[in-house]
Each structure stands twice: as structure tokens, then as C-alpha cells.
Amino acid sequence: MKIEDLVGLIGSEFGDEVVDELLHRVRRGFDDALNLIRRPQAALGVVKSPLGNLLVATSARGIALNHFMDAGSDLAATIAHLRLDFDPVEDEKAVGEIGKEVRGYLAGDADALRHHVDLTLAKNPFQQKVLRKLQDVPRGAVVSYQALGAAAGAPRGARAVGNALHNNPVPIYVPCHRVIAAQGRIGGYGGGLPRKLQLLRSEGFAMDNAAKRVPDSVVWGHKVTRIYCRMDCRTTARVDRNRILMFASPQEARRAGMRACKICHPDAPA
């Protein structure tokens, strides 16, 4: 029996009002089912920046993908991964604002990165926690892998933190360039060491392209006491390294709400 015949039969037995209500329920159920399987759209496009071309995707919740387009990088796999959660729609105009923000940020505008972050592509709960904790590390500061792991509840999880950062879907906005190795060593970066150094220089760190460590001019800020010290201050010998941020300068430490140590006087000329 055709649907039209069935509707006609029901109408003849129960009246048009019953038919209208039945059709309304069917349509509503159909729409609900579609919403369950329909993926949200994401604007997709390429933007230019001083760090090279970026493949960018933005959703209704914010920037969901910020991928360095190096020669030989597997863009097909990146887009396939995006398609697991979004329906990409090419829209260069919609993503163009990301390019403006990144260019402004590298030029010194500390407030240029205005887009919210959408971590939908970060599937692992631990990875999401690491990336959210990383967003608490302020501009002009770096943190060790171990300290970031401790903040995420895994003080011995430096390797797991490294894996989480390697798969960061939104670099720059989620600043994995602010994570360094032990003893002040620069460490690696998914976008390549030159990009990491370029980003850190834009945030106040005095480092050239050959730098292997953070400069001796950094100051140590304690996340609990909110006090910053010279690296050679006697108080730093007994502090928990997992609670330390390294700031590019006393000015950056003060900007983050820290106050100067009264023992080593880090604001005084060396």
C-alpha cells in the first residue's frame, strides 16, 4: 500500500486532525534522526602567515584546525580526520580572519588571537585535559613537559604529554610552542624548531635560530606563591619544579600577575 493510500485510509477513519498530528510526529522523528547523524559544518580554507601557509577550519564553536602546510605533509589524511566530526565547506573568506590574527600576533599584538578554540578533534580525554591546561600558560612564559603533566594530573607523564602535544589540532591558539624540555632545553615542535623559535621570539624570548635553550635572562615564576625570582636565587633550590613557569623577562612575569622576590630582586640590573 502506498503512503498516500495509507494516509487516506486513516483520514477516512479518524479525520484530518488525526492525520495532521500523525504526519507532524513522523516529520519530527525524521528530523531528530537526521540531527543525530548530521555532522556540523566547518569552514575550510588556506591562509597565509609569516609561519607559512595554514590549513584552517572553523566551526560554530571556534577554530577547530590549524595545520602547517609543509611540503610533503599529508593534507588528505588531515582533511579525512576533519571529516570524522565535521562537514568541511570551502570558505576562504570565513577563515581569512585567522590569518589576520596570526600575523598580528607575530607582530607583537598580545591580544590578536581572538577566536575561541574548538577541541572536538582532540579525542583522548587526557589530551583534552593537557591542551586545556596548556591554555593557562600565559604569553611570554614557558613550562616543562613534566610540569604540564603535573598540572594535568600526571606528574610522571612527560612522554604522554609529548604525544598529546604532537597531535594538537590547533597549534598557536593552543600554544604547544610554550612547552620545553628539562633543564631549559627548547625541545621539539610538531611545526618544526624554526617555527617554535619564531613564536617564542614574538613573545619576548631573546633567542636566535641556533638557540638550544631558553636564555639565562629568564625569571622563574611560582604558580602558587605568585613570586618570580632570578634563576640563581637561593630559594629556587628548594622549590617544586612542577610549579614553575619560566618568563622571558620580569615585565612578562608582572604582566601575568607575579610579584618580585624580595631576596634576589629580579628587577634590579644584573
Protein backbone atom coordinates (compact mmCIF):
# COMPACT_ATOMS: atom_id res chain seq x y z
CA MET A 1 0.00 0.00 0.00
CA LYS A 2 1.31 3.44 -0.92
CA ILE A 3 1.78 6.07 1.80
CA GLU A 4 -0.85 8.25 0.16
CA ASP A 5 -3.38 5.41 0.33
CA LEU A 6 -2.50 4.77 3.99
CA VAL A 7 -2.93 8.45 4.86
CA GLY A 8 -6.27 8.49 3.01
CA LEU A 9 -7.45 5.41 4.87
CA ILE A 10 -6.51 6.87 8.25
CA GLY A 11 -8.18 10.13 7.30
CA SER A 12 -11.40 8.40 6.35
CA GLU A 13 -11.46 6.53 9.67
CA PHE A 14 -10.25 9.17 12.12
CA GLY A 15 -10.42 12.57 10.45
CA ASP A 16 -7.94 15.11 9.11
CA GLU A 17 -6.79 16.32 12.55
CA VAL A 18 -5.50 12.85 13.43
CA VAL A 19 -3.69 12.65 10.10
CA ASP A 20 -2.05 16.05 10.61
CA GLU A 21 -0.88 15.07 14.10
CA LEU A 22 0.48 11.76 12.80
CA LEU A 23 2.40 13.46 9.98
CA HIS A 24 3.78 16.04 12.43
CA ARG A 25 5.13 13.30 14.68
CA VAL A 26 6.66 11.43 11.75
CA ARG A 27 8.39 14.56 10.43
CA ARG A 28 9.66 15.47 13.90
CA GLY A 29 11.07 11.98 14.42
CA PHE A 30 12.68 12.09 10.99
CA ASP A 31 14.31 15.47 11.73
CA ASP A 32 15.56 14.22 15.08
CA ALA A 33 17.11 11.18 13.42
CA LEU A 34 18.83 13.38 10.84
CA ASN A 35 20.23 15.65 13.54
CA LEU A 36 21.80 12.65 15.23
CA ILE A 37 23.77 11.66 12.14
CA ARG A 38 24.35 15.10 10.62
CA ARG A 39 27.82 16.49 11.29
CA PRO A 40 28.21 20.22 11.97
CA GLN A 41 29.73 22.26 9.18
CA ALA A 42 33.22 23.71 9.33
CA ALA A 43 34.53 26.46 7.07
CA LEU A 44 37.78 25.29 5.45
CA GLY A 45 40.47 27.25 3.67
CA VAL A 46 44.14 28.18 3.38
CA VAL A 47 45.53 31.32 4.98
CA LYS A 48 48.94 32.92 4.61
CA SER A 49 51.10 33.76 7.62
CA PRO A 50 54.76 34.50 8.47
CA LEU A 51 54.91 30.86 9.60
CA GLY A 52 53.88 29.61 6.16
CA ASN A 53 50.53 28.58 4.76
CA LEU A 54 48.00 27.21 7.23
CA LEU A 55 45.07 24.91 6.53
CA VAL A 56 42.36 26.27 8.79
CA ALA A 57 38.91 25.03 9.76
CA THR A 58 36.48 26.97 11.92
CA SER A 59 33.25 25.69 13.41
CA ALA A 60 30.39 27.46 15.15
CA ARG A 61 32.35 26.97 18.40
CA GLY A 62 35.69 28.36 17.22
CA ILE A 63 38.87 27.36 15.41
CA ALA A 64 38.99 23.56 15.19
CA LEU A 65 42.02 23.02 12.94
CA ASN A 66 45.21 24.97 12.31
CA HIS A 67 47.57 22.81 10.25
CA PHE A 68 51.04 23.77 8.98
CA MET A 69 51.10 23.06 5.24
CA ASP A 70 54.65 21.85 4.78
CA ALA A 71 55.87 20.25 1.58
CA GLY A 72 55.01 16.57 1.76
CA SER A 73 52.51 16.92 4.60
CA ASP A 74 49.54 14.59 4.23
CA LEU A 75 46.70 17.04 3.69
CA ALA A 76 44.38 14.27 2.53
CA ALA A 77 44.75 12.49 5.88
CA THR A 78 44.24 15.77 7.74
CA ILE A 79 41.03 16.54 5.88
CA ALA A 80 39.85 12.93 6.30
CA HIS A 81 40.38 13.30 10.05
CA LEU A 82 38.39 16.55 10.00
CA ARG A 83 35.54 14.79 8.17
CA LEU A 84 35.08 12.38 11.04
CA ASP A 85 33.43 15.18 13.03
CA PHE A 86 32.64 17.96 10.54
CA ASP A 87 31.33 18.53 7.05
CA PRO A 88 34.05 20.81 5.59
CA VAL A 89 32.79 23.60 3.34
CA GLU A 90 35.39 25.58 1.44
CA ASP A 91 35.12 29.19 2.59
CA GLU A 92 38.29 31.25 2.27
CA LYS A 93 36.55 34.41 3.47
CA ALA A 94 35.37 32.81 6.70
CA VAL A 95 38.84 31.57 7.66
CA GLY A 96 40.67 34.69 6.47
CA GLU A 97 40.32 36.31 9.88
CA ILE A 98 42.59 33.60 11.33
CA GLY A 99 45.40 34.73 9.04
CA LYS A 100 44.97 38.32 10.21
CA GLU A 101 45.07 37.25 13.85
CA VAL A 102 48.22 35.13 13.45
CA ARG A 103 50.01 37.91 11.53
CA GLY A 104 49.05 40.43 14.21
CA TYR A 105 50.17 38.12 16.98
CA LEU A 106 53.61 37.56 15.46
CA ALA A 107 53.93 41.32 15.01
CA GLY A 108 53.55 41.82 18.76
CA ASP A 109 49.82 42.23 19.36
CA ALA A 110 49.33 40.15 22.51
CA ASP A 111 45.55 40.21 22.13
CA ALA A 112 45.40 39.32 18.44
CA LEU A 113 44.27 35.69 18.84
CA ARG A 114 40.60 36.40 19.49
CA HIS A 115 38.98 33.22 18.17
CA HIS A 116 37.75 30.67 20.68
CA VAL A 117 39.15 27.16 20.39
CA ASP A 118 37.09 24.08 19.48
CA LEU A 119 38.88 20.91 20.69
CA THR A 120 36.48 18.49 19.02
CA LEU A 121 39.35 16.87 17.07
CA ALA A 122 41.24 16.10 20.30
CA LYS A 123 39.59 12.76 21.05
CA ASN A 124 41.54 11.45 24.03
CA PRO A 125 40.31 12.81 27.41
CA PHE A 126 43.89 13.13 28.68
CA GLN A 127 44.89 15.04 25.55
CA GLN A 128 41.96 17.42 26.01
CA LYS A 129 42.95 17.99 29.64
CA VAL A 130 46.59 18.67 28.68
CA LEU A 131 45.56 21.12 25.96
CA ARG A 132 43.19 22.97 28.29
CA LYS A 133 45.86 23.23 30.98
CA LEU A 134 48.29 24.50 28.35
CA GLN A 135 45.93 27.36 27.59
CA ASP A 136 46.59 28.58 31.15
CA VAL A 137 50.29 29.17 30.35
CA PRO A 138 50.47 32.91 29.57
CA ARG A 139 52.17 34.60 26.66
CA GLY A 140 55.81 35.30 27.47
CA ALA A 141 56.17 32.14 29.58
CA VAL A 142 57.19 28.52 29.01
CA VAL A 143 56.56 25.37 31.03
CA SER A 144 58.27 21.98 31.08
CA TYR A 145 56.62 18.79 29.81
CA GLN A 146 56.78 17.39 33.33
CA ALA A 147 55.20 20.47 34.90
CA LEU A 148 52.41 20.45 32.34
CA GLY A 149 51.85 16.77 33.04
CA ALA A 150 51.63 17.52 36.76
CA ALA A 151 49.03 20.22 36.10
CA ALA A 152 47.03 17.64 34.11
CA GLY A 153 47.25 15.10 36.93
CA ALA A 154 50.16 13.03 35.56
CA PRO A 155 53.43 14.27 37.15
CA ARG A 156 55.34 11.37 35.60
CA GLY A 157 53.60 11.60 32.25
CA ALA A 158 56.07 13.75 30.29
CA ARG A 159 56.05 11.28 27.40
CA ALA A 160 52.25 11.17 27.31
CA VAL A 161 52.21 14.97 27.34
CA GLY A 162 54.57 14.98 24.36
CA ASN A 163 52.22 12.69 22.45
CA ALA A 164 49.24 14.88 23.31
CA LEU A 165 51.05 17.98 22.03
CA HIS A 166 52.26 16.24 18.87
CA ASN A 167 48.61 15.72 17.92
CA ASN A 168 47.47 19.21 18.92
CA PRO A 169 44.88 20.14 16.26
CA VAL A 170 45.10 23.88 16.95
CA PRO A 171 48.74 24.98 17.36
CA ILE A 172 49.45 28.67 18.04
CA TYR A 173 45.98 29.11 19.57
CA VAL A 174 46.69 26.20 21.90
CA PRO A 175 50.34 27.20 22.48
CA CYS A 176 52.33 23.96 22.42
CA HIS A 177 55.35 26.10 21.44
CA ARG A 178 55.42 27.19 25.10
CA VAL A 179 56.38 23.70 26.29
CA ILE A 180 60.07 22.95 26.71
CA ALA A 181 62.21 20.02 27.79
CA ALA A 182 64.05 19.57 31.09
CA GLN A 183 66.89 21.87 32.14
CA GLY A 184 65.62 24.71 29.94
CA ARG A 185 66.22 22.90 26.65
CA ILE A 186 63.97 24.05 23.81
CA GLY A 187 62.73 20.58 22.91
CA GLY A 188 60.81 19.62 19.80
CA TYR A 189 57.81 21.03 17.98
CA GLY A 190 55.38 19.49 15.52
CA GLY A 191 55.68 22.51 13.24
CA GLY A 192 59.49 22.39 13.29
CA LEU A 193 62.03 24.08 15.55
CA PRO A 194 62.37 27.29 13.45
CA ARG A 195 58.64 27.98 13.91
CA LYS A 196 58.86 27.33 17.64
CA LEU A 197 61.73 29.79 17.99
CA GLN A 198 59.91 32.35 15.85
CA LEU A 199 56.83 32.12 18.07
CA LEU A 200 58.87 32.37 21.26
CA ARG A 201 60.77 35.40 19.95
CA SER A 202 57.48 37.11 19.18
CA GLU A 203 56.55 36.56 22.86
CA GLY A 204 59.70 38.22 24.19
CA PHE A 205 62.31 35.44 24.41
CA ALA A 206 65.76 36.56 23.22
CA MET A 207 66.78 33.59 21.06
CA ASP A 208 68.27 33.24 17.61
CA ASN A 209 67.70 30.39 15.18
CA ALA A 210 70.57 28.39 16.70
CA ALA A 211 69.24 28.53 20.26
CA LYS A 212 69.11 25.21 22.10
CA ARG A 213 67.99 26.51 25.49
CA VAL A 214 66.00 29.36 26.96
CA PRO A 215 68.25 32.36 27.71
CA ASP A 216 69.78 32.90 31.14
CA SER A 217 67.82 36.14 31.39
CA VAL A 218 64.55 34.29 32.10
CA VAL A 219 62.97 34.55 35.54
CA TRP A 220 61.23 31.77 37.41
CA GLY A 221 57.64 32.31 38.49
CA HIS A 222 56.00 30.10 41.10
CA LYS A 223 52.40 29.30 40.23
CA VAL A 224 51.33 29.05 43.88
CA THR A 225 53.20 31.85 45.67
CA ARG A 226 52.95 34.10 42.58
CA ILE A 227 56.55 35.26 43.19
CA TYR A 228 59.19 35.45 40.46
CA CYS A 229 62.95 35.11 41.01
CA ARG A 230 66.25 35.10 39.21
CA MET A 231 67.30 31.63 38.12
CA ASP A 232 70.17 31.69 40.62
CA CYS A 233 68.08 32.82 43.60
CA ARG A 234 68.74 30.60 46.62
CA THR A 235 65.01 30.00 47.05
CA THR A 236 64.79 28.20 43.69
CA ALA A 237 66.95 25.35 45.02
CA ARG A 238 64.08 24.01 47.12
CA VAL A 239 61.01 24.77 45.01
CA ASP A 240 58.91 22.13 43.28
CA ARG A 241 59.92 22.36 39.61
CA ASN A 242 56.45 21.19 38.62
CA ARG A 243 55.07 24.52 39.82
CA ILE A 244 57.47 26.72 37.87
CA LEU A 245 56.88 28.89 34.81
CA MET A 246 59.85 30.48 33.05
CA PHE A 247 59.15 34.04 31.92
CA ALA A 248 61.00 35.85 29.16
CA SER A 249 61.50 38.89 31.41
CA PRO A 250 60.40 40.45 34.69
CA GLN A 251 57.95 42.55 32.68
CA GLU A 252 56.22 39.42 31.35
CA ALA A 253 56.08 37.96 34.87
CA ARG A 254 54.45 41.10 36.21
CA ARG A 255 52.02 41.12 33.30
CA ALA A 256 50.96 37.63 34.40
CA GLY A 257 50.25 38.90 37.92
CA MET A 258 53.50 37.82 39.60
CA ARG A 259 55.40 39.91 42.16
CA ALA A 260 59.15 40.25 42.54
CA CYS A 261 61.16 38.23 45.05
CA LYS A 262 62.49 40.36 47.93
CA ILE A 263 65.60 38.19 48.27
CA CYS A 264 67.10 38.19 44.76
CA HIS A 265 65.44 41.42 43.49
CA PRO A 266 64.95 40.19 39.90
CA ASP A 267 64.03 43.68 38.62
CA ALA A 268 67.41 45.13 39.56
CA PRO A 269 70.13 45.25 36.84
CA ALA A 270 72.23 42.07 36.79
